[in-house]
Amino acid sequence: MTLVRLVLDAALAAPSGAVGLAVPVADRITTYPIAAEAMSAGRVGSSVAALIALAGVVIGGSALVRARTGAARRGMVALAAGAVGLALGGLVVVTSDSGIGTGNGRGGGYVALVLGLVAVVVGGLVLGRTRRGG
């Protein structure tokens, strides 16, 4: 049962008020796994790490593209966010006991490692540019 099929069944049964259509939909809803139950600690940790590292990439990229006042501060923020993303992503990868696709967050940990590395490099470029430029 796909999620699309479940949504279509519910959409067809709800407006018509058809009891016969609503009963199979209710059975499918109770047997369908809830997404909140599927969020393990590894998934949450890798998601947080990836989001922090992504914020570092965005902040550093905006400081690299537009040279305005405060670019050095934004470069430091990008560098720090990248380091935090690297540390949290590495922690998730090291503590994961299974492979990618098992729900332990290893794939997200690798994404956080890559984004963290990009944020550190971009933050370093911003800091190098601001120190060299004046």
C-alpha atoms as a PDB file:
ATOM      1  CA  MET A   1       0.000   0.000   0.000  1.00  0.00           C
ATOM      2  CA  THR A   2       1.476   3.268  -1.007  1.00  0.00           C
ATOM      3  CA  LEU A   3       0.848   6.575   0.656  1.00  0.00           C
ATOM      4  CA  VAL A   4      -0.638   7.941  -2.573  1.00  0.00           C
ATOM      5  CA  ARG A   5      -3.207   5.145  -2.654  1.00  0.00           C
ATOM      6  CA  LEU A   6      -4.091   5.767   0.994  1.00  0.00           C
ATOM      7  CA  VAL A   7      -4.620   9.493   0.393  1.00  0.00           C
ATOM      8  CA  LEU A   8      -6.715   8.850  -2.715  1.00  0.00           C
ATOM      9  CA  ASP A   9      -8.937   6.352  -0.861  1.00  0.00           C
ATOM     10  CA  ALA A  10      -9.451   8.792   1.995  1.00  0.00           C
ATOM     11  CA  ALA A  11     -10.188  11.661  -0.387  1.00  0.00           C
ATOM     12  CA  LEU A  12     -12.815   9.616  -2.198  1.00  0.00           C
ATOM     13  CA  ALA A  13     -14.459   8.268   0.940  1.00  0.00           C
ATOM     14  CA  ALA A  14     -14.616  11.453   3.009  1.00  0.00           C
ATOM     15  CA  PRO A  15     -16.762  13.767   0.814  1.00  0.00           C
ATOM     16  CA  SER A  16     -19.245  11.080  -0.203  1.00  0.00           C
ATOM     17  CA  GLY A  17     -19.895   9.957   3.340  1.00  0.00           C
ATOM     18  CA  ALA A  18     -19.971   6.421   2.064  1.00  0.00           C
ATOM     19  CA  VAL A  19     -19.636   4.080   4.993  1.00  0.00           C
ATOM     20  CA  GLY A  20     -18.643   1.197   2.759  1.00  0.00           C
ATOM     21  CA  LEU A  21     -15.646   3.111   1.409  1.00  0.00           C
ATOM     22  CA  ALA A  22     -14.656   4.584   4.756  1.00  0.00           C
ATOM     23  CA  VAL A  23     -14.230   1.236   6.514  1.00  0.00           C
ATOM     24  CA  PRO A  24     -11.413  -0.084   4.271  1.00  0.00           C
ATOM     25  CA  VAL A  25      -9.686   3.288   4.533  1.00  0.00           C
ATOM     26  CA  ALA A  26      -9.857   3.157   8.327  1.00  0.00           C
ATOM     27  CA  ASP A  27      -8.360  -0.345   8.263  1.00  0.00           C
ATOM     28  CA  ARG A  28      -5.518   0.824   6.047  1.00  0.00           C
ATOM     29  CA  ILE A  29      -4.824   3.837   8.245  1.00  0.00           C
ATOM     30  CA  THR A  30      -4.465   1.683  11.354  1.00  0.00           C
ATOM     31  CA  THR A  31      -2.068  -0.728   9.631  1.00  0.00           C
ATOM     32  CA  TYR A  32       0.014   1.960   7.929  1.00  0.00           C
ATOM     33  CA  PRO A  33       3.135   2.876   9.950  1.00  0.00           C
ATOM     34  CA  ILE A  34       3.188   6.372  11.361  1.00  0.00           C
ATOM     35  CA  ALA A  35       6.170   8.520  10.338  1.00  0.00           C
ATOM     36  CA  ALA A  36       6.831   9.663  13.908  1.00  0.00           C
ATOM     37  CA  GLU A  37       7.466   6.080  14.960  1.00  0.00           C
ATOM     38  CA  ALA A  38      10.067   5.702  12.211  1.00  0.00           C
ATOM     39  CA  MET A  39      12.245   8.589  13.462  1.00  0.00           C
ATOM     40  CA  SER A  40      15.093   6.958  15.333  1.00  0.00           C
ATOM     41  CA  ALA A  41      17.689   8.859  17.316  1.00  0.00           C
ATOM     42  CA  GLY A  42      20.179   8.418  14.488  1.00  0.00           C
ATOM     43  CA  ARG A  43      17.799   9.915  11.962  1.00  0.00           C
ATOM     44  CA  VAL A  44      17.058  12.878  14.187  1.00  0.00           C
ATOM     45  CA  GLY A  45      20.749  13.416  14.924  1.00  0.00           C
ATOM     46  CA  SER A  46      21.777  13.227  11.292  1.00  0.00           C
ATOM     47  CA  SER A  47      18.926  15.529  10.256  1.00  0.00           C
ATOM     48  CA  VAL A  48      19.950  18.130  12.835  1.00  0.00           C
ATOM     49  CA  ALA A  49      23.593  17.841  11.783  1.00  0.00           C
ATOM     50  CA  ALA A  50      22.727  18.192   8.099  1.00  0.00           C
ATOM     51  CA  LEU A  51      20.503  21.221   8.740  1.00  0.00           C
ATOM     52  CA  ILE A  52      23.183  22.963  10.811  1.00  0.00           C
ATOM     53  CA  ALA A  53      25.794  22.272   8.138  1.00  0.00           C
ATOM     54  CA  LEU A  54      23.402  23.441   5.414  1.00  0.00           C
ATOM     55  CA  ALA A  55      22.845  26.681   7.308  1.00  0.00           C
ATOM     56  CA  GLY A  56      26.617  27.114   7.396  1.00  0.00           C
ATOM     57  CA  VAL A  57      26.830  26.584   3.635  1.00  0.00           C
ATOM     58  CA  VAL A  58      24.066  29.122   2.981  1.00  0.00           C
ATOM     59  CA  ILE A  59      25.505  31.744   5.340  1.00  0.00           C
ATOM     60  CA  GLY A  60      29.026  31.270   4.028  1.00  0.00           C
ATOM     61  CA  GLY A  61      27.857  31.280   0.423  1.00  0.00           C
ATOM     62  CA  SER A  62      25.966  34.516   0.890  1.00  0.00           C
ATOM     63  CA  ALA A  63      29.034  36.081   2.518  1.00  0.00           C
ATOM     64  CA  LEU A  64      31.223  34.836  -0.325  1.00  0.00           C
ATOM     65  CA  VAL A  65      28.938  36.163  -3.058  1.00  0.00           C
ATOM     66  CA  ARG A  66      28.167  39.543  -1.512  1.00  0.00           C
ATOM     67  CA  ALA A  67      31.065  41.297   0.141  1.00  0.00           C
ATOM     68  CA  ARG A  68      29.473  43.589   2.708  1.00  0.00           C
ATOM     69  CA  THR A  69      30.230  44.576   6.239  1.00  0.00           C
ATOM     70  CA  GLY A  70      30.050  41.658   8.607  1.00  0.00           C
ATOM     71  CA  ALA A  71      31.421  39.173   6.098  1.00  0.00           C
ATOM     72  CA  ALA A  72      34.076  38.058   8.571  1.00  0.00           C
ATOM     73  CA  ARG A  73      31.425  37.348  11.180  1.00  0.00           C
ATOM     74  CA  ARG A  74      29.357  35.358   8.710  1.00  0.00           C
ATOM     75  CA  GLY A  75      32.485  33.474   7.689  1.00  0.00           C
ATOM     76  CA  MET A  76      33.096  32.525  11.307  1.00  0.00           C
ATOM     77  CA  VAL A  77      29.482  31.405  11.672  1.00  0.00           C
ATOM     78  CA  ALA A  78      29.810  29.263   8.544  1.00  0.00           C
ATOM     79  CA  LEU A  79      33.055  27.795   9.840  1.00  0.00           C
ATOM     80  CA  ALA A  80      31.522  27.002  13.231  1.00  0.00           C
ATOM     81  CA  ALA A  81      28.334  25.554  11.752  1.00  0.00           C
ATOM     82  CA  GLY A  82      30.398  23.399   9.412  1.00  0.00           C
ATOM     83  CA  ALA A  83      32.504  22.117  12.298  1.00  0.00           C
ATOM     84  CA  VAL A  84      29.387  21.271  14.328  1.00  0.00           C
ATOM     85  CA  GLY A  85      27.848  19.534  11.297  1.00  0.00           C
ATOM     86  CA  LEU A  86      31.052  17.544  10.787  1.00  0.00           C
ATOM     87  CA  ALA A  87      31.198  16.529  14.441  1.00  0.00           C
ATOM     88  CA  LEU A  88      27.540  15.500  14.721  1.00  0.00           C
ATOM     89  CA  GLY A  89      27.536  13.749  11.343  1.00  0.00           C
ATOM     90  CA  GLY A  90      30.705  11.877  12.268  1.00  0.00           C
ATOM     91  CA  LEU A  91      29.190  10.866  15.593  1.00  0.00           C
ATOM     92  CA  VAL A  92      26.111   9.467  13.876  1.00  0.00           C
ATOM     93  CA  VAL A  93      28.201   7.568  11.324  1.00  0.00           C
ATOM     94  CA  VAL A  94      30.505   6.101  13.962  1.00  0.00           C
ATOM     95  CA  THR A  95      27.717   5.037  16.322  1.00  0.00           C
ATOM     96  CA  SER A  96      25.447   3.595  13.622  1.00  0.00           C
ATOM     97  CA  ASP A  97      25.329  -0.177  13.833  1.00  0.00           C
ATOM     98  CA  SER A  98      23.823  -0.862  10.407  1.00  0.00           C
ATOM     99  CA  GLY A  99      24.188   0.236   6.818  1.00  0.00           C
ATOM    100  CA  ILE A 100      22.481   2.897   4.760  1.00  0.00           C
ATOM    101  CA  GLY A 101      18.725   2.481   4.448  1.00  0.00           C
ATOM    102  CA  THR A 102      18.145   0.727   7.760  1.00  0.00           C
ATOM    103  CA  GLY A 103      16.831   3.764   9.627  1.00  0.00           C
ATOM    104  CA  ASN A 104      19.866   4.446  11.783  1.00  0.00           C
ATOM    105  CA  GLY A 105      20.742   7.740  10.110  1.00  0.00           C
ATOM    106  CA  ARG A 106      24.000   6.677   8.481  1.00  0.00           C
ATOM    107  CA  GLY A 107      23.037   8.139   5.091  1.00  0.00           C
ATOM    108  CA  GLY A 108      22.082  11.460   6.685  1.00  0.00           C
ATOM    109  CA  GLY A 109      25.338  11.356   8.641  1.00  0.00           C
ATOM    110  CA  TYR A 110      27.285  11.132   5.391  1.00  0.00           C
ATOM    111  CA  VAL A 111      25.272  14.035   3.977  1.00  0.00           C
ATOM    112  CA  ALA A 112      26.047  16.048   7.120  1.00  0.00           C
ATOM    113  CA  LEU A 113      29.752  15.247   6.738  1.00  0.00           C
ATOM    114  CA  VAL A 114      29.801  16.479   3.149  1.00  0.00           C
ATOM    115  CA  LEU A 115      27.793  19.625   3.908  1.00  0.00           C
ATOM    116  CA  GLY A 116      29.925  20.307   6.981  1.00  0.00           C
ATOM    117  CA  LEU A 117      33.092  20.041   4.920  1.00  0.00           C
ATOM    118  CA  VAL A 118      31.666  22.405   2.303  1.00  0.00           C
ATOM    119  CA  ALA A 119      30.659  24.888   5.024  1.00  0.00           C
ATOM    120  CA  VAL A 120      34.142  24.775   6.554  1.00  0.00           C
ATOM    121  CA  VAL A 121      35.792  25.363   3.173  1.00  0.00           C
ATOM    122  CA  VAL A 122      33.424  28.206   2.273  1.00  0.00           C
ATOM    123  CA  GLY A 123      33.853  29.780   5.717  1.00  0.00           C
ATOM    124  CA  GLY A 124      37.618  29.553   5.338  1.00  0.00           C
ATOM    125  CA  LEU A 125      37.439  31.193   1.916  1.00  0.00           C
ATOM    126  CA  VAL A 126      35.342  34.031   3.329  1.00  0.00           C
ATOM    127  CA  LEU A 127      37.782  34.566   6.194  1.00  0.00           C
ATOM    128  CA  GLY A 128      40.752  34.474   3.823  1.00  0.00           C
ATOM    129  CA  ARG A 129      39.121  37.031   1.575  1.00  0.00           C
ATOM    130  CA  THR A 130      38.242  39.416   4.411  1.00  0.00           C
ATOM    131  CA  ARG A 131      41.708  39.249   5.975  1.00  0.00           C
ATOM    132  CA  ARG A 132      43.431  39.718   2.660  1.00  0.00           C
ATOM    133  CA  GLY A 133      41.092  42.495   1.513  1.00  0.00           C
ATOM    134  CA  GLY A 134      41.455  44.683   4.439  1.00  0.00           C
END
